[in-house]
Amino acid sequence: MEIDGSVALVTGANRGLGLHIARELLARGATVYATARDPRTVDLPGATVLPLDVTDAASVRAAAEAAGDVTLLVNNAGVATFSNLVDGDLDSIRLEMDTHFFGTLRMVRAFAPILAGNGGGAIVNLLSVLSWVTFLDATSYSAAKAAQWSLTNGVRLELAKQGTQVSAVHLGAADTDMMTRWEIPKLDPAFVATAVVDGVARGDLEILVDDAATGAKAALAADLRVVYPQLA
């Protein structure tokens, strides 16, 4: 997809990966709608700021009505409650699923006709290595990301007939607010943004940003006691 001259809408563009992706798109000649639940938190010169809560159907409809010229949809908005599935708070688990799975689905359903009318365009879903592997204190997040991965595969097939490119982005930890509690190596969000936009421009259907993503995908074929040594 040609980035220069495209019209992109980025969810969760007020900070973290969303902000860096929106900034990278602007630098490459795209027109950008930068969205957040509170538009006052978006500081991105050159972008058009819109309010958007992906868990709210009316908010999603309003964004689609305001951005009818979109050719590139970046589903980045996310939340991490650090909940486990068995003993975690059900409302927190629902929030993660509503944001990552149903929020992405709401956005895809609202913008698929717009993309079709504008020539097909592209959708990018920000996923994670946790789509493929899970860790304690993040099992709820992993379940939501796995569901989002399956959703991405499904809508890619459904939208192929209208010429819409659907890309999944997988990466390990990036240095964002969401990951502040974890003392592990983290990617520069600007590096991730460059990798994402490069992958979209190339037409990649799967964008594996780092070795963690490559390794997690390869581990899908491994014995579970190797992937999770605590089970041995």
C-alpha atoms as a PDB file:
ATOM      1  CA  MET A   1       0.000   0.000   0.000  1.00  0.00           C
ATOM      2  CA  GLU A   2       1.220   3.498  -0.816  1.00  0.00           C
ATOM      3  CA  ILE A   3       1.515   5.440   2.441  1.00  0.00           C
ATOM      4  CA  ASP A   4       2.090   8.861   0.902  1.00  0.00           C
ATOM      5  CA  GLY A   5      -1.345  10.257   0.130  1.00  0.00           C
ATOM      6  CA  SER A   6      -3.218   7.701   2.212  1.00  0.00           C
ATOM      7  CA  VAL A   7      -5.776   8.678   4.853  1.00  0.00           C
ATOM      8  CA  ALA A   8      -5.214   6.824   8.127  1.00  0.00           C
ATOM      9  CA  LEU A   9      -7.204   6.526  11.320  1.00  0.00           C
ATOM     10  CA  VAL A  10      -5.255   5.359  14.374  1.00  0.00           C
ATOM     11  CA  THR A  11      -7.012   4.275  17.559  1.00  0.00           C
ATOM     12  CA  GLY A  12      -5.353   4.989  20.886  1.00  0.00           C
ATOM     13  CA  ALA A  13      -3.151   7.647  19.286  1.00  0.00           C
ATOM     14  CA  ASN A  14      -2.643   9.720  22.415  1.00  0.00           C
ATOM     15  CA  ARG A  15       0.367   7.733  23.667  1.00  0.00           C
ATOM     16  CA  GLY A  16       2.520   4.647  23.235  1.00  0.00           C
ATOM     17  CA  LEU A  17       2.602   2.780  19.954  1.00  0.00           C
ATOM     18  CA  GLY A  18      -0.478   4.567  18.629  1.00  0.00           C
ATOM     19  CA  LEU A  19       1.151   7.976  18.972  1.00  0.00           C
ATOM     20  CA  HIS A  20       4.370   6.807  17.326  1.00  0.00           C
ATOM     21  CA  ILE A  21       2.549   5.085  14.461  1.00  0.00           C
ATOM     22  CA  ALA A  22       0.439   8.175  13.819  1.00  0.00           C
ATOM     23  CA  ARG A  23       3.577  10.329  13.875  1.00  0.00           C
ATOM     24  CA  GLU A  24       5.356   7.977  11.437  1.00  0.00           C
ATOM     25  CA  LEU A  25       2.394   8.037   9.060  1.00  0.00           C
ATOM     26  CA  LEU A  26       2.337  11.833   9.082  1.00  0.00           C
ATOM     27  CA  ALA A  27       6.067  11.925   8.354  1.00  0.00           C
ATOM     28  CA  ARG A  28       5.492   9.726   5.305  1.00  0.00           C
ATOM     29  CA  GLY A  29       2.813  11.908   3.783  1.00  0.00           C
ATOM     30  CA  ALA A  30      -0.384  10.383   5.136  1.00  0.00           C
ATOM     31  CA  THR A  31      -3.356  12.348   6.375  1.00  0.00           C
ATOM     32  CA  VAL A  32      -4.038  11.123   9.918  1.00  0.00           C
ATOM     33  CA  TYR A  33      -7.061  10.984  12.175  1.00  0.00           C
ATOM     34  CA  ALA A  34      -5.630  10.564  15.678  1.00  0.00           C
ATOM     35  CA  THR A  35      -8.237   9.203  18.079  1.00  0.00           C
ATOM     36  CA  ALA A  36      -8.526   8.693  21.816  1.00  0.00           C
ATOM     37  CA  ARG A  37     -11.280   8.399  24.398  1.00  0.00           C
ATOM     38  CA  ASP A  38     -10.323  11.866  25.601  1.00  0.00           C
ATOM     39  CA  PRO A  39      -9.245  13.902  22.554  1.00  0.00           C
ATOM     40  CA  ARG A  40      -7.660  16.490  24.857  1.00  0.00           C
ATOM     41  CA  THR A  41      -4.872  13.978  25.550  1.00  0.00           C
ATOM     42  CA  VAL A  42      -3.768  13.907  21.904  1.00  0.00           C
ATOM     43  CA  ASP A  43      -0.833  16.190  21.119  1.00  0.00           C
ATOM     44  CA  LEU A  44       0.060  15.551  17.492  1.00  0.00           C
ATOM     45  CA  PRO A  45       0.505  18.596  15.243  1.00  0.00           C
ATOM     46  CA  GLY A  46      -0.757  17.965  11.739  1.00  0.00           C
ATOM     47  CA  ALA A  47      -3.329  15.347  12.728  1.00  0.00           C
ATOM     48  CA  THR A  48      -7.091  15.682  12.921  1.00  0.00           C
ATOM     49  CA  VAL A  49      -8.141  14.656  16.418  1.00  0.00           C
ATOM     50  CA  LEU A  50     -11.344  12.697  17.000  1.00  0.00           C
ATOM     51  CA  PRO A  51     -12.928  11.276  20.160  1.00  0.00           C
ATOM     52  CA  LEU A  52     -13.255   7.505  20.015  1.00  0.00           C
ATOM     53  CA  ASP A  53     -13.964   4.770  22.534  1.00  0.00           C
ATOM     54  CA  VAL A  54     -13.783   1.410  20.749  1.00  0.00           C
ATOM     55  CA  THR A  55     -15.919  -0.215  23.467  1.00  0.00           C
ATOM     56  CA  ASP A  56     -18.809   2.141  22.665  1.00  0.00           C
ATOM     57  CA  ALA A  57     -20.795   1.384  19.502  1.00  0.00           C
ATOM     58  CA  ALA A  58     -22.163   4.938  19.216  1.00  0.00           C
ATOM     59  CA  SER A  59     -18.648   6.379  19.484  1.00  0.00           C
ATOM     60  CA  VAL A  60     -17.420   4.057  16.738  1.00  0.00           C
ATOM     61  CA  ARG A  61     -20.320   5.043  14.462  1.00  0.00           C
ATOM     62  CA  ALA A  62     -19.598   8.733  15.051  1.00  0.00           C
ATOM     63  CA  ALA A  63     -15.939   8.256  14.126  1.00  0.00           C
ATOM     64  CA  ALA A  64     -16.884   6.446  10.935  1.00  0.00           C
ATOM     65  CA  GLU A  65     -19.272   9.247   9.992  1.00  0.00           C
ATOM     66  CA  ALA A  66     -16.545  11.845  10.602  1.00  0.00           C
ATOM     67  CA  ALA A  67     -13.810   9.969   8.724  1.00  0.00           C
ATOM     68  CA  GLY A  68     -15.411   8.754   5.529  1.00  0.00           C
ATOM     69  CA  ASP A  69     -12.226   9.215   3.500  1.00  0.00           C
ATOM     70  CA  VAL A  70     -10.136   6.664   5.414  1.00  0.00           C
ATOM     71  CA  THR A  71      -8.015   4.228   3.401  1.00  0.00           C
ATOM     72  CA  LEU A  72      -5.918   2.823   6.283  1.00  0.00           C
ATOM     73  CA  LEU A  73      -7.345   1.729   9.633  1.00  0.00           C
ATOM     74  CA  VAL A  74      -4.884   1.071  12.470  1.00  0.00           C
ATOM     75  CA  ASN A  75      -6.477  -0.788  15.379  1.00  0.00           C
ATOM     76  CA  ASN A  76      -4.057  -0.049  18.190  1.00  0.00           C
ATOM     77  CA  ALA A  77      -6.229   0.799  21.214  1.00  0.00           C
ATOM     78  CA  GLY A  78      -5.601  -1.610  24.068  1.00  0.00           C
ATOM     79  CA  VAL A  79      -5.782  -2.200  27.784  1.00  0.00           C
ATOM     80  CA  ALA A  80      -3.966  -4.504  30.209  1.00  0.00           C
ATOM     81  CA  THR A  81      -5.521  -5.357  33.571  1.00  0.00           C
ATOM     82  CA  PHE A  82      -2.899  -7.996  34.551  1.00  0.00           C
ATOM     83  CA  SER A  83      -5.637 -10.462  35.395  1.00  0.00           C
ATOM     84  CA  ASN A  84      -5.637 -14.242  35.459  1.00  0.00           C
ATOM     85  CA  LEU A  85      -8.558 -16.206  34.058  1.00  0.00           C
ATOM     86  CA  VAL A  86      -9.351 -18.511  36.969  1.00  0.00           C
ATOM     87  CA  ASP A  87      -9.177 -16.131  39.906  1.00  0.00           C
ATOM     88  CA  GLY A  88      -9.177 -12.710  38.207  1.00  0.00           C
ATOM     89  CA  ASP A  89     -11.920 -10.114  38.306  1.00  0.00           C
ATOM     90  CA  LEU A  90     -14.511 -10.916  35.626  1.00  0.00           C
ATOM     91  CA  ASP A  91     -15.150  -7.261  34.839  1.00  0.00           C
ATOM     92  CA  SER A  92     -11.446  -6.805  34.086  1.00  0.00           C
ATOM     93  CA  ILE A  93     -11.457  -9.867  31.856  1.00  0.00           C
ATOM     94  CA  ARG A  94     -14.523  -8.581  30.021  1.00  0.00           C
ATOM     95  CA  LEU A  95     -12.861  -5.186  29.538  1.00  0.00           C
ATOM     96  CA  GLU A  96      -9.840  -6.772  27.869  1.00  0.00           C
ATOM     97  CA  MET A  97     -12.013  -8.886  25.583  1.00  0.00           C
ATOM     98  CA  ASP A  98     -14.336  -5.981  24.818  1.00  0.00           C
ATOM     99  CA  THR A  99     -11.386  -3.758  23.912  1.00  0.00           C
ATOM    100  CA  HIS A 100      -9.193  -6.121  21.928  1.00  0.00           C
ATOM    101  CA  PHE A 101     -11.730  -8.444  20.305  1.00  0.00           C
ATOM    102  CA  PHE A 102     -15.074  -6.665  20.176  1.00  0.00           C
ATOM    103  CA  GLY A 103     -13.492  -3.206  19.913  1.00  0.00           C
ATOM    104  CA  THR A 104     -11.471  -4.294  16.892  1.00  0.00           C
ATOM    105  CA  LEU A 105     -14.530  -5.985  15.423  1.00  0.00           C
ATOM    106  CA  ARG A 106     -16.644  -2.848  15.883  1.00  0.00           C
ATOM    107  CA  MET A 107     -14.008  -0.809  14.071  1.00  0.00           C
ATOM    108  CA  VAL A 108     -13.662  -3.305  11.234  1.00  0.00           C
ATOM    109  CA  ARG A 109     -17.417  -3.548  10.711  1.00  0.00           C
ATOM    110  CA  ALA A 110     -17.807   0.243  10.737  1.00  0.00           C
ATOM    111  CA  PHE A 111     -14.904   0.967   8.390  1.00  0.00           C
ATOM    112  CA  ALA A 112     -14.993  -1.991   5.984  1.00  0.00           C
ATOM    113  CA  PRO A 113     -17.634  -0.308   3.767  1.00  0.00           C
ATOM    114  CA  ILE A 114     -15.651   2.938   3.862  1.00  0.00           C
ATOM    115  CA  LEU A 115     -12.466   1.158   2.799  1.00  0.00           C
ATOM    116  CA  ALA A 116     -14.347  -0.623   0.018  1.00  0.00           C
ATOM    117  CA  GLY A 117     -15.718   2.663  -1.253  1.00  0.00           C
ATOM    118  CA  ASN A 118     -12.246   4.184  -1.220  1.00  0.00           C
ATOM    119  CA  GLY A 119     -10.620   1.448  -3.267  1.00  0.00           C
ATOM    120  CA  GLY A 120      -9.968  -1.300  -0.719  1.00  0.00           C
ATOM    121  CA  GLY A 121      -7.231   0.143   1.470  1.00  0.00           C
ATOM    122  CA  ALA A 122      -5.800  -1.668   4.474  1.00  0.00           C
ATOM    123  CA  ILE A 123      -6.420  -2.610   8.083  1.00  0.00           C
ATOM    124  CA  VAL A 124      -3.619  -3.095  10.606  1.00  0.00           C
ATOM    125  CA  ASN A 125      -4.293  -4.843  13.915  1.00  0.00           C
ATOM    126  CA  LEU A 126      -1.706  -4.444  16.672  1.00  0.00           C
ATOM    127  CA  LEU A 127      -1.364  -7.842  18.315  1.00  0.00           C
ATOM    128  CA  SER A 128       1.397  -9.314  20.485  1.00  0.00           C
ATOM    129  CA  VAL A 129       3.574 -12.339  21.141  1.00  0.00           C
ATOM    130  CA  LEU A 130       0.916 -12.996  23.780  1.00  0.00           C
ATOM    131  CA  SER A 131      -1.429 -13.923  20.953  1.00  0.00           C
ATOM    132  CA  TRP A 132       0.624 -17.140  20.802  1.00  0.00           C
ATOM    133  CA  VAL A 133       2.035 -17.676  24.301  1.00  0.00           C
ATOM    134  CA  THR A 134       0.804 -16.760  27.770  1.00  0.00           C
ATOM    135  CA  PHE A 135       2.273 -15.850  31.142  1.00  0.00           C
ATOM    136  CA  LEU A 136       0.838 -15.791  34.639  1.00  0.00           C
ATOM    137  CA  ASP A 137      -0.728 -12.432  35.524  1.00  0.00           C
ATOM    138  CA  ALA A 138      -1.459 -11.913  31.831  1.00  0.00           C
ATOM    139  CA  THR A 139      -3.568 -14.943  30.948  1.00  0.00           C
ATOM    140  CA  SER A 140      -6.660 -12.778  30.409  1.00  0.00           C
ATOM    141  CA  TYR A 141      -4.753 -10.398  28.132  1.00  0.00           C
ATOM    142  CA  SER A 142      -3.339 -13.340  26.196  1.00  0.00           C
ATOM    143  CA  ALA A 143      -6.799 -14.827  25.704  1.00  0.00           C
ATOM    144  CA  ALA A 144      -8.058 -11.501  24.346  1.00  0.00           C
ATOM    145  CA  LYS A 145      -5.059 -11.158  22.031  1.00  0.00           C
ATOM    146  CA  ALA A 146      -5.461 -14.743  20.798  1.00  0.00           C
ATOM    147  CA  ALA A 147      -9.084 -13.951  19.993  1.00  0.00           C
ATOM    148  CA  GLN A 148      -7.984 -10.783  18.193  1.00  0.00           C
ATOM    149  CA  TRP A 149      -5.487 -12.828  16.168  1.00  0.00           C
ATOM    150  CA  SER A 150      -8.228 -15.243  15.102  1.00  0.00           C
ATOM    151  CA  LEU A 151     -10.475 -12.279  14.289  1.00  0.00           C
ATOM    152  CA  THR A 152      -7.712 -10.837  12.109  1.00  0.00           C
ATOM    153  CA  ASN A 153      -7.392 -14.079  10.183  1.00  0.00           C
ATOM    154  CA  GLY A 154     -11.147 -14.219   9.711  1.00  0.00           C
ATOM    155  CA  VAL A 155     -11.729 -10.667   8.499  1.00  0.00           C
ATOM    156  CA  ARG A 156      -8.709 -10.970   6.187  1.00  0.00           C
ATOM    157  CA  LEU A 157     -10.544 -13.737   4.332  1.00  0.00           C
ATOM    158  CA  GLU A 158     -13.876 -11.929   4.397  1.00  0.00           C
ATOM    159  CA  LEU A 159     -12.462  -8.635   3.096  1.00  0.00           C
ATOM    160  CA  ALA A 160     -10.189 -10.103   0.423  1.00  0.00           C
ATOM    161  CA  LYS A 161     -13.007  -9.831  -2.105  1.00  0.00           C
ATOM    162  CA  GLN A 162     -13.132  -6.059  -1.688  1.00  0.00           C
ATOM    163  CA  GLY A 163      -9.367  -5.729  -2.015  1.00  0.00           C
ATOM    164  CA  THR A 164      -8.673  -4.767   1.604  1.00  0.00           C
ATOM    165  CA  GLN A 165      -5.240  -5.757   2.908  1.00  0.00           C
ATOM    166  CA  VAL A 166      -5.413  -6.961   6.525  1.00  0.00           C
ATOM    167  CA  SER A 167      -2.138  -7.108   8.449  1.00  0.00           C
ATOM    168  CA  ALA A 168      -1.384  -8.498  11.912  1.00  0.00           C
ATOM    169  CA  VAL A 169       1.483  -6.998  13.915  1.00  0.00           C
ATOM    170  CA  HIS A 170       3.181  -9.171  16.538  1.00  0.00           C
ATOM    171  CA  LEU A 171       5.908  -7.972  18.884  1.00  0.00           C
ATOM    172  CA  GLY A 172       7.340  -8.503  22.335  1.00  0.00           C
ATOM    173  CA  ALA A 173       7.556  -5.723  24.896  1.00  0.00           C
ATOM    174  CA  ALA A 174       7.695  -2.081  23.822  1.00  0.00           C
ATOM    175  CA  ASP A 175       8.697   0.761  26.111  1.00  0.00           C
ATOM    176  CA  THR A 176       5.206   2.136  26.751  1.00  0.00           C
ATOM    177  CA  ASP A 177       3.104   2.987  29.797  1.00  0.00           C
ATOM    178  CA  MET A 178       1.431  -0.428  29.613  1.00  0.00           C
ATOM    179  CA  MET A 179       4.745  -2.173  30.209  1.00  0.00           C
ATOM    180  CA  THR A 180       6.210  -0.013  32.998  1.00  0.00           C
ATOM    181  CA  ARG A 181       5.699  -2.702  35.644  1.00  0.00           C
ATOM    182  CA  TRP A 182       7.855  -5.247  33.808  1.00  0.00           C
ATOM    183  CA  GLU A 183      11.642  -5.125  34.199  1.00  0.00           C
ATOM    184  CA  ILE A 184      12.510  -6.715  30.861  1.00  0.00           C
ATOM    185  CA  PRO A 185      14.169  -5.544  27.627  1.00  0.00           C
ATOM    186  CA  LYS A 186      11.797  -3.309  25.673  1.00  0.00           C
ATOM    187  CA  LEU A 187      11.666  -2.048  22.114  1.00  0.00           C
ATOM    188  CA  ASP A 188      11.775   1.642  21.246  1.00  0.00           C
ATOM    189  CA  PRO A 189       8.198   2.529  20.167  1.00  0.00           C
ATOM    190  CA  ALA A 190       9.611   4.567  17.275  1.00  0.00           C
ATOM    191  CA  PHE A 191      11.361   1.427  15.992  1.00  0.00           C
ATOM    192  CA  VAL A 192       8.085  -0.492  16.207  1.00  0.00           C
ATOM    193  CA  ALA A 193       6.226   2.262  14.349  1.00  0.00           C
ATOM    194  CA  THR A 194       8.748   2.200  11.522  1.00  0.00           C
ATOM    195  CA  ALA A 195       8.483  -1.591  11.263  1.00  0.00           C
ATOM    196  CA  VAL A 196       4.687  -1.407  11.182  1.00  0.00           C
ATOM    197  CA  VAL A 197       4.488   1.229   8.468  1.00  0.00           C
ATOM    198  CA  ASP A 198       7.222  -0.477   6.433  1.00  0.00           C
ATOM    199  CA  GLY A 199       5.289  -3.754   6.618  1.00  0.00           C
ATOM    200  CA  VAL A 200       2.033  -2.147   5.529  1.00  0.00           C
ATOM    201  CA  ALA A 201       3.782  -0.445   2.628  1.00  0.00           C
ATOM    202  CA  ARG A 202       5.252  -3.792   1.507  1.00  0.00           C
ATOM    203  CA  GLY A 203       1.879  -5.496   1.720  1.00  0.00           C
ATOM    204  CA  ASP A 204       2.914  -7.873   4.518  1.00  0.00           C
ATOM    205  CA  LEU A 205      -0.024  -9.774   5.969  1.00  0.00           C
ATOM    206  CA  GLU A 206       1.985 -10.628   9.063  1.00  0.00           C
ATOM    207  CA  ILE A 207       4.500  -8.199  10.541  1.00  0.00           C
ATOM    208  CA  LEU A 208       6.875  -9.855  13.030  1.00  0.00           C
ATOM    209  CA  VAL A 209       8.667  -6.920  14.609  1.00  0.00           C
ATOM    210  CA  ASP A 210      11.332  -8.685  16.662  1.00  0.00           C
ATOM    211  CA  ASP A 211      12.933 -12.008  17.608  1.00  0.00           C
ATOM    212  CA  ALA A 212      10.386 -12.469  20.379  1.00  0.00           C
ATOM    213  CA  ALA A 213       7.587 -12.512  17.802  1.00  0.00           C
ATOM    214  CA  THR A 214       9.476 -14.843  15.476  1.00  0.00           C
ATOM    215  CA  GLY A 215      10.240 -17.190  18.358  1.00  0.00           C
ATOM    216  CA  ALA A 216       6.685 -17.183  19.678  1.00  0.00           C
ATOM    217  CA  LYS A 217       5.322 -18.117  16.286  1.00  0.00           C
ATOM    218  CA  ALA A 218       7.853 -20.916  15.877  1.00  0.00           C
ATOM    219  CA  ALA A 219       6.952 -22.216  19.338  1.00  0.00           C
ATOM    220  CA  LEU A 220       3.401 -22.953  18.192  1.00  0.00           C
ATOM    221  CA  ALA A 221       4.756 -26.209  16.786  1.00  0.00           C
ATOM    222  CA  ALA A 222       6.738 -27.117  19.923  1.00  0.00           C
ATOM    223  CA  ASP A 223       5.807 -29.446  22.753  1.00  0.00           C
ATOM    224  CA  LEU A 224       3.880 -27.531  25.416  1.00  0.00           C
ATOM    225  CA  ARG A 225       6.255 -28.694  28.169  1.00  0.00           C
ATOM    226  CA  VAL A 226       9.069 -27.009  26.272  1.00  0.00           C
ATOM    227  CA  VAL A 227       7.119 -23.777  25.823  1.00  0.00           C
ATOM    228  CA  TYR A 228       5.932 -23.864  29.453  1.00  0.00           C
ATOM    229  CA  PRO A 229       8.662 -25.593  31.496  1.00  0.00           C
ATOM    230  CA  GLN A 230       6.629 -25.134  34.686  1.00  0.00           C
ATOM    231  CA  LEU A 231       4.321 -27.878  33.352  1.00  0.00           C
ATOM    232  CA  ALA A 232       7.144 -30.427  33.092  1.00  0.00           C
END
